[in-house]
N, C-alpha and C. Protein backbone atom coordinates (compact mmCIF):
# COMPACT_ATOMS: atom_id res chain seq x y z
N UNK A 1 151.89 -55.57 -87.51
CA UNK A 1 152.63 -56.00 -86.36
C UNK A 1 151.67 -56.09 -85.17
N UNK A 2 151.91 -57.04 -84.31
CA UNK A 2 151.06 -57.25 -83.14
C UNK A 2 151.88 -57.00 -81.88
N UNK A 3 151.19 -56.63 -80.81
CA UNK A 3 151.85 -56.47 -79.52
C UNK A 3 152.07 -57.85 -78.91
N UNK A 4 152.74 -57.87 -77.78
CA UNK A 4 153.00 -59.16 -77.14
C UNK A 4 151.71 -59.85 -76.70
N UNK A 5 150.65 -59.07 -76.51
CA UNK A 5 149.37 -59.68 -76.13
C UNK A 5 148.62 -60.20 -77.35
N UNK A 6 149.14 -59.94 -78.54
CA UNK A 6 148.48 -60.39 -79.76
C UNK A 6 147.57 -59.35 -80.37
N UNK A 7 147.43 -58.19 -79.70
CA UNK A 7 146.58 -57.12 -80.23
C UNK A 7 147.30 -56.37 -81.34
N UNK A 8 146.56 -55.81 -82.30
CA UNK A 8 147.20 -55.03 -83.36
C UNK A 8 147.91 -53.82 -82.75
N UNK A 9 149.09 -53.48 -83.27
CA UNK A 9 149.87 -52.40 -82.69
C UNK A 9 149.61 -51.06 -83.35
N UNK A 10 149.14 -51.03 -84.57
CA UNK A 10 148.91 -49.75 -85.24
C UNK A 10 147.41 -49.50 -85.43
N UNK A 11 147.08 -48.21 -85.63
CA UNK A 11 145.69 -47.84 -85.87
C UNK A 11 145.17 -48.57 -87.10
N UNK A 12 145.93 -48.62 -88.17
CA UNK A 12 145.49 -49.25 -89.42
C UNK A 12 145.17 -50.72 -89.20
N UNK A 13 145.98 -51.40 -88.40
CA UNK A 13 145.71 -52.82 -88.13
C UNK A 13 144.46 -52.98 -87.28
N UNK A 14 144.26 -52.07 -86.32
CA UNK A 14 143.07 -52.15 -85.46
C UNK A 14 141.81 -51.87 -86.26
N UNK A 15 141.91 -50.99 -87.25
CA UNK A 15 140.74 -50.61 -88.05
C UNK A 15 140.29 -51.73 -88.97
N UNK A 16 141.16 -52.67 -89.25
CA UNK A 16 140.78 -53.78 -90.13
C UNK A 16 141.07 -53.47 -91.58
N UNK A 17 140.53 -54.28 -92.50
CA UNK A 17 140.81 -54.11 -93.91
C UNK A 17 140.30 -52.77 -94.43
N UNK A 18 140.93 -52.29 -95.49
CA UNK A 18 140.49 -51.05 -96.12
C UNK A 18 139.03 -51.16 -96.53
N UNK A 19 138.34 -50.03 -96.52
CA UNK A 19 136.90 -50.02 -96.79
C UNK A 19 136.53 -50.76 -98.07
N UNK A 20 137.26 -50.54 -99.14
CA UNK A 20 136.93 -51.17 -100.41
C UNK A 20 137.14 -52.68 -100.42
N UNK A 21 137.90 -53.20 -99.47
CA UNK A 21 138.18 -54.64 -99.48
C UNK A 21 137.19 -55.43 -98.62
N UNK A 22 136.35 -54.75 -97.87
CA UNK A 22 135.37 -55.46 -97.04
C UNK A 22 134.20 -55.93 -97.89
N UNK A 23 133.66 -57.09 -97.59
CA UNK A 23 132.48 -57.50 -98.32
C UNK A 23 131.31 -56.58 -97.99
N UNK A 24 130.49 -56.29 -98.97
CA UNK A 24 129.32 -55.43 -98.74
C UNK A 24 128.25 -56.26 -98.06
N UNK A 25 127.80 -55.79 -96.93
CA UNK A 25 126.69 -56.44 -96.26
C UNK A 25 125.59 -55.42 -96.06
N UNK A 26 124.38 -55.89 -96.06
CA UNK A 26 123.24 -54.99 -95.97
C UNK A 26 122.06 -55.75 -95.38
N UNK A 27 121.03 -54.99 -95.05
CA UNK A 27 119.77 -55.60 -94.64
C UNK A 27 118.89 -55.63 -95.87
N UNK A 28 118.34 -56.80 -96.15
CA UNK A 28 117.49 -57.00 -97.31
C UNK A 28 116.10 -57.38 -96.82
N UNK A 29 115.08 -56.73 -97.39
CA UNK A 29 113.70 -57.07 -97.10
C UNK A 29 113.19 -57.99 -98.19
N UNK A 30 112.74 -59.17 -97.80
CA UNK A 30 112.14 -60.11 -98.74
C UNK A 30 110.63 -60.08 -98.54
N UNK A 31 109.94 -59.56 -99.54
CA UNK A 31 108.48 -59.51 -99.50
C UNK A 31 107.98 -60.78 -100.17
N UNK A 32 107.40 -61.65 -99.37
CA UNK A 32 106.99 -62.97 -99.85
C UNK A 32 108.02 -64.00 -99.44
N UNK A 33 108.20 -64.17 -98.14
CA UNK A 33 109.24 -65.06 -97.63
C UNK A 33 108.65 -66.45 -97.37
N UNK A 34 108.10 -67.05 -98.45
CA UNK A 34 107.60 -68.41 -98.38
C UNK A 34 108.75 -69.38 -98.59
N UNK A 35 108.51 -70.49 -99.21
CA UNK A 35 109.56 -71.52 -99.38
C UNK A 35 110.79 -70.97 -100.10
N UNK A 36 110.58 -70.39 -101.29
CA UNK A 36 111.73 -69.85 -102.03
C UNK A 36 112.32 -68.63 -101.32
N UNK A 37 111.47 -67.82 -100.74
CA UNK A 37 111.97 -66.66 -100.00
C UNK A 37 112.84 -67.07 -98.83
N UNK A 38 112.45 -68.14 -98.15
CA UNK A 38 113.28 -68.63 -97.04
C UNK A 38 114.61 -69.16 -97.56
N UNK A 39 114.60 -69.79 -98.71
CA UNK A 39 115.86 -70.26 -99.30
C UNK A 39 116.76 -69.06 -99.59
N UNK A 40 116.19 -68.01 -100.19
CA UNK A 40 116.97 -66.81 -100.47
C UNK A 40 117.46 -66.18 -99.18
N UNK A 41 116.61 -66.13 -98.18
CA UNK A 41 117.01 -65.56 -96.88
C UNK A 41 118.22 -66.32 -96.33
N UNK A 42 118.16 -67.64 -96.36
CA UNK A 42 119.28 -68.45 -95.86
C UNK A 42 120.56 -68.13 -96.62
N UNK A 43 120.47 -68.05 -97.95
CA UNK A 43 121.64 -67.76 -98.77
C UNK A 43 122.21 -66.37 -98.46
N UNK A 44 121.34 -65.39 -98.31
CA UNK A 44 121.81 -64.03 -98.04
C UNK A 44 122.42 -63.94 -96.65
N UNK A 45 121.85 -64.63 -95.69
CA UNK A 45 122.43 -64.68 -94.35
C UNK A 45 123.80 -65.34 -94.41
N UNK A 46 123.92 -66.41 -95.19
CA UNK A 46 125.22 -67.07 -95.37
C UNK A 46 126.24 -66.11 -95.96
N UNK A 47 125.77 -65.16 -96.79
CA UNK A 47 126.66 -64.15 -97.39
C UNK A 47 126.98 -63.02 -96.41
N UNK A 48 126.38 -63.05 -95.23
CA UNK A 48 126.67 -62.04 -94.22
C UNK A 48 125.65 -60.92 -94.12
N UNK A 49 124.60 -60.98 -94.91
CA UNK A 49 123.58 -59.93 -94.88
C UNK A 49 122.59 -60.18 -93.74
N UNK A 50 121.97 -59.12 -93.30
CA UNK A 50 120.82 -59.22 -92.40
C UNK A 50 119.59 -59.29 -93.29
N UNK A 51 118.63 -60.10 -92.89
CA UNK A 51 117.43 -60.28 -93.71
C UNK A 51 116.20 -60.07 -92.85
N UNK A 52 115.24 -59.40 -93.45
CA UNK A 52 113.91 -59.24 -92.85
C UNK A 52 112.94 -59.86 -93.85
N UNK A 53 112.18 -60.84 -93.43
CA UNK A 53 111.25 -61.52 -94.33
C UNK A 53 109.81 -61.30 -93.91
N UNK A 54 108.93 -61.15 -94.91
CA UNK A 54 107.52 -60.93 -94.61
C UNK A 54 106.68 -62.14 -94.98
N UNK A 55 105.61 -62.29 -94.24
CA UNK A 55 104.62 -63.32 -94.51
C UNK A 55 103.25 -62.75 -94.15
N UNK A 56 102.23 -63.23 -94.80
CA UNK A 56 100.87 -62.84 -94.44
C UNK A 56 100.37 -63.67 -93.26
N UNK A 57 101.02 -64.79 -93.02
CA UNK A 57 100.56 -65.78 -92.05
C UNK A 57 101.45 -65.78 -90.81
N UNK A 58 100.93 -65.38 -89.69
CA UNK A 58 101.73 -65.33 -88.46
C UNK A 58 102.27 -66.71 -88.06
N UNK A 59 101.62 -67.78 -88.52
CA UNK A 59 102.11 -69.13 -88.20
C UNK A 59 103.46 -69.40 -88.87
N UNK A 60 103.81 -68.64 -89.91
CA UNK A 60 105.07 -68.86 -90.62
C UNK A 60 106.23 -68.06 -90.03
N UNK A 61 105.97 -67.23 -89.05
CA UNK A 61 107.03 -66.40 -88.47
C UNK A 61 108.18 -67.23 -87.91
N UNK A 62 107.87 -68.29 -87.21
CA UNK A 62 108.91 -69.12 -86.61
C UNK A 62 109.84 -69.72 -87.64
N UNK A 63 109.30 -70.13 -88.79
CA UNK A 63 110.13 -70.72 -89.84
C UNK A 63 111.14 -69.70 -90.37
N UNK A 64 110.71 -68.47 -90.51
CA UNK A 64 111.61 -67.41 -90.98
C UNK A 64 112.65 -67.10 -89.92
N UNK A 65 112.21 -66.98 -88.68
CA UNK A 65 113.13 -66.68 -87.59
C UNK A 65 114.15 -67.79 -87.37
N UNK A 66 113.77 -69.03 -87.63
CA UNK A 66 114.68 -70.16 -87.44
C UNK A 66 115.91 -70.05 -88.35
N UNK A 67 115.79 -69.29 -89.43
CA UNK A 67 116.93 -69.09 -90.34
C UNK A 67 117.89 -68.03 -89.83
N UNK A 68 117.45 -67.26 -88.83
CA UNK A 68 118.24 -66.14 -88.35
C UNK A 68 117.80 -64.82 -88.93
N UNK A 69 116.66 -64.81 -89.60
CA UNK A 69 116.11 -63.58 -90.20
C UNK A 69 115.09 -62.96 -89.26
N UNK A 70 114.87 -61.67 -89.41
CA UNK A 70 113.76 -61.01 -88.73
C UNK A 70 112.50 -61.40 -89.49
N UNK A 71 111.44 -61.68 -88.79
CA UNK A 71 110.19 -62.08 -89.44
C UNK A 71 109.10 -61.09 -89.06
N UNK A 72 108.33 -60.68 -90.07
CA UNK A 72 107.27 -59.70 -89.85
C UNK A 72 106.03 -60.11 -90.64
N UNK A 73 104.87 -59.87 -90.06
CA UNK A 73 103.62 -60.06 -90.78
C UNK A 73 103.35 -58.78 -91.56
N UNK A 74 103.17 -58.93 -92.85
CA UNK A 74 102.85 -57.80 -93.73
C UNK A 74 102.14 -58.35 -94.96
N UNK A 75 101.35 -57.50 -95.59
CA UNK A 75 100.54 -57.91 -96.73
C UNK A 75 100.92 -57.08 -97.95
N UNK A 76 101.48 -57.70 -98.98
CA UNK A 76 101.86 -56.93 -100.17
C UNK A 76 100.67 -56.27 -100.86
N UNK A 77 99.45 -56.72 -100.57
CA UNK A 77 98.26 -56.05 -101.09
C UNK A 77 98.01 -54.72 -100.38
N UNK A 78 98.63 -54.56 -99.23
CA UNK A 78 98.50 -53.32 -98.45
C UNK A 78 99.91 -52.78 -98.23
N UNK A 79 100.37 -52.00 -99.20
CA UNK A 79 101.74 -51.51 -99.19
C UNK A 79 102.06 -50.78 -97.89
N UNK A 80 101.08 -50.16 -97.28
CA UNK A 80 101.30 -49.48 -96.01
C UNK A 80 101.83 -50.39 -94.92
N UNK A 81 101.53 -51.69 -94.99
CA UNK A 81 102.05 -52.62 -93.99
C UNK A 81 103.53 -52.89 -94.19
N UNK A 82 104.04 -52.59 -95.38
CA UNK A 82 105.46 -52.81 -95.69
C UNK A 82 106.33 -51.60 -95.32
N UNK A 83 105.74 -50.42 -95.36
CA UNK A 83 106.53 -49.20 -95.20
C UNK A 83 107.35 -49.14 -93.91
N UNK A 84 106.80 -49.50 -92.74
CA UNK A 84 107.64 -49.47 -91.53
C UNK A 84 108.81 -50.45 -91.61
N UNK A 85 108.69 -51.46 -92.44
CA UNK A 85 109.74 -52.48 -92.54
C UNK A 85 110.91 -52.04 -93.40
N UNK A 86 110.78 -50.91 -94.07
CA UNK A 86 111.85 -50.38 -94.91
C UNK A 86 112.95 -49.73 -94.09
N UNK A 87 112.67 -49.43 -92.82
CA UNK A 87 113.67 -48.81 -91.96
C UNK A 87 114.93 -49.66 -91.89
N UNK A 88 116.05 -49.08 -92.24
CA UNK A 88 117.33 -49.79 -92.17
C UNK A 88 117.55 -50.80 -93.27
N UNK A 89 116.73 -50.79 -94.31
CA UNK A 89 116.83 -51.76 -95.41
C UNK A 89 117.58 -51.13 -96.58
N UNK A 90 118.47 -51.89 -97.18
CA UNK A 90 119.22 -51.42 -98.35
C UNK A 90 118.61 -51.87 -99.66
N UNK A 91 117.93 -53.00 -99.66
CA UNK A 91 117.33 -53.52 -100.88
C UNK A 91 116.08 -54.32 -100.57
N UNK A 92 115.17 -54.36 -101.55
CA UNK A 92 113.90 -55.07 -101.40
C UNK A 92 113.80 -56.11 -102.50
N UNK A 93 113.43 -57.33 -102.13
CA UNK A 93 113.14 -58.40 -103.09
C UNK A 93 111.64 -58.63 -103.10
N UNK A 94 111.02 -58.45 -104.27
CA UNK A 94 109.57 -58.60 -104.46
C UNK A 94 109.35 -59.98 -105.07
N UNK A 95 109.07 -60.97 -104.23
CA UNK A 95 108.94 -62.36 -104.68
C UNK A 95 107.48 -62.73 -104.86
N UNK A 96 106.89 -62.23 -105.91
CA UNK A 96 105.47 -62.45 -106.18
C UNK A 96 105.26 -63.21 -107.49
N UNK A 97 106.30 -63.86 -108.00
CA UNK A 97 106.21 -64.58 -109.27
C UNK A 97 105.27 -65.77 -109.23
N UNK A 98 105.01 -66.29 -108.07
CA UNK A 98 104.08 -67.42 -107.94
C UNK A 98 102.95 -67.09 -106.96
N UNK A 99 102.62 -65.81 -106.87
CA UNK A 99 101.52 -65.40 -105.98
C UNK A 99 100.23 -66.06 -106.44
N UNK A 100 99.37 -66.36 -105.49
CA UNK A 100 98.08 -66.97 -105.82
C UNK A 100 96.96 -66.14 -105.23
N UNK A 101 95.77 -66.38 -105.74
CA UNK A 101 94.60 -65.66 -105.26
C UNK A 101 93.75 -65.23 -106.43
N UNK A 102 92.77 -64.39 -106.18
CA UNK A 102 91.92 -63.90 -107.27
C UNK A 102 92.77 -63.18 -108.32
N UNK A 103 92.38 -63.34 -109.58
CA UNK A 103 93.17 -62.80 -110.69
C UNK A 103 93.41 -61.30 -110.55
N UNK A 104 92.41 -60.54 -110.11
CA UNK A 104 92.61 -59.10 -109.99
C UNK A 104 93.60 -58.76 -108.88
N UNK A 105 93.60 -59.52 -107.80
CA UNK A 105 94.55 -59.28 -106.71
C UNK A 105 95.97 -59.62 -107.14
N UNK A 106 96.14 -60.73 -107.85
CA UNK A 106 97.47 -61.11 -108.34
C UNK A 106 97.95 -60.08 -109.36
N UNK A 107 97.05 -59.64 -110.22
CA UNK A 107 97.41 -58.61 -111.19
C UNK A 107 97.87 -57.33 -110.52
N UNK A 108 97.23 -56.96 -109.42
CA UNK A 108 97.60 -55.75 -108.70
C UNK A 108 99.01 -55.84 -108.11
N UNK A 109 99.41 -57.06 -107.72
CA UNK A 109 100.76 -57.24 -107.17
C UNK A 109 101.84 -56.96 -108.20
N UNK A 110 101.49 -57.09 -109.47
CA UNK A 110 102.46 -56.86 -110.55
C UNK A 110 102.17 -55.57 -111.30
N UNK A 111 101.27 -54.77 -110.74
CA UNK A 111 100.89 -53.50 -111.35
C UNK A 111 100.81 -52.42 -110.28
N UNK A 112 99.60 -52.03 -109.88
CA UNK A 112 99.45 -50.91 -108.95
C UNK A 112 100.17 -51.06 -107.61
N UNK A 113 100.16 -52.24 -107.01
CA UNK A 113 100.85 -52.41 -105.71
C UNK A 113 102.36 -52.30 -105.89
N UNK A 114 102.85 -52.90 -106.96
CA UNK A 114 104.28 -52.83 -107.25
C UNK A 114 104.69 -51.38 -107.52
N UNK A 115 103.90 -50.66 -108.30
CA UNK A 115 104.17 -49.24 -108.59
C UNK A 115 104.20 -48.44 -107.28
N UNK A 116 103.21 -48.66 -106.45
CA UNK A 116 103.13 -47.92 -105.19
C UNK A 116 104.36 -48.18 -104.33
N UNK A 117 104.76 -49.44 -104.21
CA UNK A 117 105.95 -49.76 -103.42
C UNK A 117 107.17 -49.06 -104.00
N UNK A 118 107.37 -49.17 -105.30
CA UNK A 118 108.57 -48.60 -105.90
C UNK A 118 108.58 -47.08 -105.74
N UNK A 119 107.42 -46.43 -105.83
CA UNK A 119 107.35 -44.99 -105.60
C UNK A 119 107.72 -44.64 -104.16
N UNK A 120 107.32 -45.48 -103.22
CA UNK A 120 107.64 -45.25 -101.81
C UNK A 120 109.13 -45.49 -101.52
N UNK A 121 109.76 -46.37 -102.26
CA UNK A 121 111.18 -46.65 -102.04
C UNK A 121 112.05 -45.42 -102.26
N UNK A 122 111.59 -44.52 -103.12
CA UNK A 122 112.35 -43.31 -103.42
C UNK A 122 112.65 -42.53 -102.15
N UNK A 123 111.70 -42.45 -101.24
CA UNK A 123 111.86 -41.68 -100.01
C UNK A 123 112.20 -42.56 -98.81
N UNK A 124 112.81 -43.68 -99.07
CA UNK A 124 113.18 -44.60 -98.00
C UNK A 124 114.68 -44.83 -98.05
N UNK A 125 115.21 -45.51 -97.06
CA UNK A 125 116.65 -45.83 -97.10
C UNK A 125 116.99 -46.92 -98.12
N UNK A 126 115.98 -47.60 -98.65
CA UNK A 126 116.24 -48.71 -99.59
C UNK A 126 116.88 -48.17 -100.87
N UNK A 127 117.88 -48.86 -101.30
CA UNK A 127 118.64 -48.46 -102.49
C UNK A 127 117.92 -48.86 -103.78
N UNK A 128 117.26 -50.01 -103.78
CA UNK A 128 116.62 -50.46 -105.01
C UNK A 128 115.79 -51.71 -104.80
N UNK A 129 115.39 -52.32 -105.93
CA UNK A 129 114.41 -53.40 -105.94
C UNK A 129 114.86 -54.55 -106.83
N UNK A 130 114.67 -55.76 -106.34
CA UNK A 130 114.83 -56.98 -107.14
C UNK A 130 113.43 -57.53 -107.37
N UNK A 131 113.08 -57.72 -108.65
CA UNK A 131 111.74 -58.19 -109.02
C UNK A 131 111.82 -59.61 -109.58
N UNK A 132 111.04 -60.51 -109.01
CA UNK A 132 110.95 -61.89 -109.50
C UNK A 132 109.99 -61.92 -110.68
N UNK A 133 110.53 -62.16 -111.88
CA UNK A 133 109.73 -62.11 -113.11
C UNK A 133 109.49 -63.49 -113.71
N UNK A 134 109.45 -64.50 -112.86
CA UNK A 134 109.17 -65.86 -113.32
C UNK A 134 108.41 -66.57 -112.22
N UNK A 135 107.62 -67.55 -112.61
CA UNK A 135 106.83 -68.30 -111.65
C UNK A 135 105.53 -68.76 -112.28
N UNK A 136 104.53 -68.98 -111.46
CA UNK A 136 103.26 -69.51 -111.94
C UNK A 136 102.26 -68.43 -112.33
N UNK A 137 102.59 -67.18 -112.07
CA UNK A 137 101.72 -66.07 -112.46
C UNK A 137 101.72 -65.98 -113.99
N UNK A 138 100.61 -65.50 -114.57
CA UNK A 138 100.50 -65.36 -116.02
C UNK A 138 101.71 -64.60 -116.58
N UNK A 139 102.33 -65.13 -117.63
CA UNK A 139 103.52 -64.47 -118.20
C UNK A 139 103.29 -63.01 -118.59
N UNK A 140 102.08 -62.68 -119.02
CA UNK A 140 101.79 -61.29 -119.39
C UNK A 140 101.91 -60.36 -118.19
N UNK A 141 101.45 -60.83 -117.02
CA UNK A 141 101.55 -60.02 -115.81
C UNK A 141 103.00 -59.84 -115.40
N UNK A 142 103.79 -60.91 -115.50
CA UNK A 142 105.20 -60.83 -115.14
C UNK A 142 105.95 -59.89 -116.09
N UNK A 143 105.61 -59.95 -117.37
CA UNK A 143 106.25 -59.06 -118.35
C UNK A 143 105.87 -57.61 -118.07
N UNK A 144 104.59 -57.38 -117.76
CA UNK A 144 104.15 -56.02 -117.44
C UNK A 144 104.84 -55.51 -116.17
N UNK A 145 104.97 -56.38 -115.18
CA UNK A 145 105.67 -56.00 -113.95
C UNK A 145 107.13 -55.65 -114.22
N UNK A 146 107.78 -56.44 -115.07
CA UNK A 146 109.18 -56.17 -115.43
C UNK A 146 109.32 -54.82 -116.11
N UNK A 147 108.41 -54.55 -117.04
CA UNK A 147 108.43 -53.26 -117.74
C UNK A 147 108.24 -52.12 -116.76
N UNK A 148 107.28 -52.26 -115.88
CA UNK A 148 107.01 -51.23 -114.87
C UNK A 148 108.24 -50.97 -114.00
N UNK A 149 108.85 -52.03 -113.51
CA UNK A 149 110.02 -51.90 -112.64
C UNK A 149 111.15 -51.19 -113.38
N UNK A 150 111.39 -51.58 -114.62
CA UNK A 150 112.47 -50.93 -115.40
C UNK A 150 112.16 -49.45 -115.63
N UNK A 151 110.92 -49.14 -116.02
CA UNK A 151 110.55 -47.75 -116.29
C UNK A 151 110.67 -46.88 -115.04
N UNK A 152 110.16 -47.38 -113.92
CA UNK A 152 110.25 -46.60 -112.69
C UNK A 152 111.69 -46.51 -112.20
N UNK A 153 112.47 -47.55 -112.44
CA UNK A 153 113.89 -47.48 -112.09
C UNK A 153 114.58 -46.35 -112.84
N UNK A 154 114.29 -46.22 -114.11
CA UNK A 154 114.86 -45.12 -114.91
C UNK A 154 114.33 -43.77 -114.43
N UNK A 155 113.03 -43.69 -114.22
CA UNK A 155 112.43 -42.43 -113.78
C UNK A 155 113.02 -41.94 -112.47
N UNK A 156 113.19 -42.84 -111.52
CA UNK A 156 113.65 -42.47 -110.18
C UNK A 156 115.16 -42.65 -110.00
N UNK A 157 115.86 -43.03 -111.06
CA UNK A 157 117.31 -43.28 -110.97
C UNK A 157 117.61 -44.26 -109.83
N UNK A 158 116.84 -45.34 -109.83
CA UNK A 158 116.90 -46.35 -108.78
C UNK A 158 117.42 -47.66 -109.37
N UNK A 159 118.41 -48.26 -108.74
CA UNK A 159 118.86 -49.57 -109.23
C UNK A 159 117.74 -50.61 -109.13
N UNK A 160 117.57 -51.36 -110.19
CA UNK A 160 116.61 -52.46 -110.20
C UNK A 160 117.26 -53.67 -110.85
N UNK A 161 116.83 -54.83 -110.44
CA UNK A 161 117.26 -56.09 -111.03
C UNK A 161 116.02 -56.92 -111.29
N UNK A 162 115.95 -57.52 -112.47
CA UNK A 162 114.84 -58.38 -112.86
C UNK A 162 115.38 -59.80 -112.95
N UNK A 163 114.77 -60.73 -112.23
CA UNK A 163 115.21 -62.13 -112.26
C UNK A 163 114.18 -62.93 -113.03
N UNK A 164 114.60 -63.48 -114.15
CA UNK A 164 113.71 -64.25 -115.03
C UNK A 164 113.97 -65.74 -114.96
N UNK A 165 114.79 -66.17 -114.04
CA UNK A 165 115.09 -67.59 -113.88
C UNK A 165 113.86 -68.30 -113.34
N UNK A 166 113.35 -69.31 -114.05
CA UNK A 166 112.18 -70.04 -113.55
C UNK A 166 112.48 -70.71 -112.22
N UNK A 167 111.54 -70.69 -111.30
CA UNK A 167 111.79 -71.27 -109.98
C UNK A 167 111.76 -72.80 -109.94
N UNK A 168 111.45 -73.45 -111.06
CA UNK A 168 111.41 -74.91 -111.08
C UNK A 168 112.74 -75.53 -110.71
N UNK A 169 113.83 -74.89 -111.09
CA UNK A 169 115.17 -75.33 -110.70
C UNK A 169 115.60 -74.41 -109.56
N UNK A 170 115.35 -74.84 -108.34
CA UNK A 170 115.57 -74.00 -107.18
C UNK A 170 117.02 -73.52 -107.07
N UNK A 171 117.96 -74.39 -107.39
CA UNK A 171 119.38 -74.00 -107.29
C UNK A 171 119.71 -72.86 -108.24
N UNK A 172 119.26 -72.97 -109.49
CA UNK A 172 119.52 -71.92 -110.47
C UNK A 172 118.77 -70.64 -110.10
N UNK A 173 117.53 -70.78 -109.65
CA UNK A 173 116.75 -69.62 -109.22
C UNK A 173 117.46 -68.90 -108.07
N UNK A 174 117.88 -69.66 -107.06
CA UNK A 174 118.53 -69.07 -105.89
C UNK A 174 119.83 -68.37 -106.29
N UNK A 175 120.59 -68.97 -107.18
CA UNK A 175 121.83 -68.35 -107.64
C UNK A 175 121.54 -67.05 -108.38
N UNK A 176 120.50 -67.03 -109.19
CA UNK A 176 120.12 -65.81 -109.92
C UNK A 176 119.66 -64.71 -108.97
N UNK A 177 118.87 -65.08 -107.98
CA UNK A 177 118.39 -64.10 -107.01
C UNK A 177 119.55 -63.54 -106.19
N UNK A 178 120.43 -64.42 -105.77
CA UNK A 178 121.59 -64.00 -104.98
C UNK A 178 122.46 -63.04 -105.79
N UNK A 179 122.66 -63.36 -107.06
CA UNK A 179 123.46 -62.49 -107.93
C UNK A 179 122.77 -61.13 -108.13
N UNK A 180 121.45 -61.16 -108.23
CA UNK A 180 120.70 -59.91 -108.42
C UNK A 180 120.82 -59.02 -107.19
N UNK A 181 120.73 -59.60 -106.02
CA UNK A 181 120.90 -58.81 -104.78
C UNK A 181 122.31 -58.23 -104.73
N UNK A 182 123.29 -59.05 -105.08
CA UNK A 182 124.68 -58.57 -105.10
C UNK A 182 124.85 -57.41 -106.06
N UNK A 183 124.26 -57.51 -107.26
CA UNK A 183 124.36 -56.44 -108.24
C UNK A 183 123.65 -55.18 -107.76
N UNK A 184 122.52 -55.36 -107.12
CA UNK A 184 121.75 -54.22 -106.61
C UNK A 184 122.55 -53.44 -105.57
N UNK A 185 123.26 -54.15 -104.74
CA UNK A 185 123.98 -53.51 -103.64
C UNK A 185 125.37 -53.05 -104.03
N UNK A 186 125.84 -53.44 -105.21
CA UNK A 186 127.22 -53.07 -105.64
C UNK A 186 127.34 -51.59 -105.91
């Protein structure tokens, strides 16, 4: 019931829908907010989430911000640059499936750097991790990264999602990533 001014008349009406009926919204950190990361950011923002996206290149900050996301310069090779960005974050998307650079550096993104990040998530507000397990990186590295993420997820009792949808079909990839974030936050 509403008052004559149109305001809700009871406490329950003023409080809005019951807690379980509200859509879950969260802040999501996208590590690797390049072309596909920006697409995911846009989709998550459309779903009502807050997004923080990282880039190594300060020239790309404006493109991320233009979507309505927070943009930060951070380097996944230096996990310490990511740690301050975990504040207020519910989930992390590690979009390194098409990372480029020297083979040892790319390998580290799917091994030691990934392990370090996931170990740090345990003591952060982040609930869990979405790992991109498809792209132009060597399939063996992606498989090893998937195994690592699953094992650490079990060890730390941390929700993890592995997305194996190839990024060649951007629509299918985006839908898979969006579903993975939803599952992580459920």
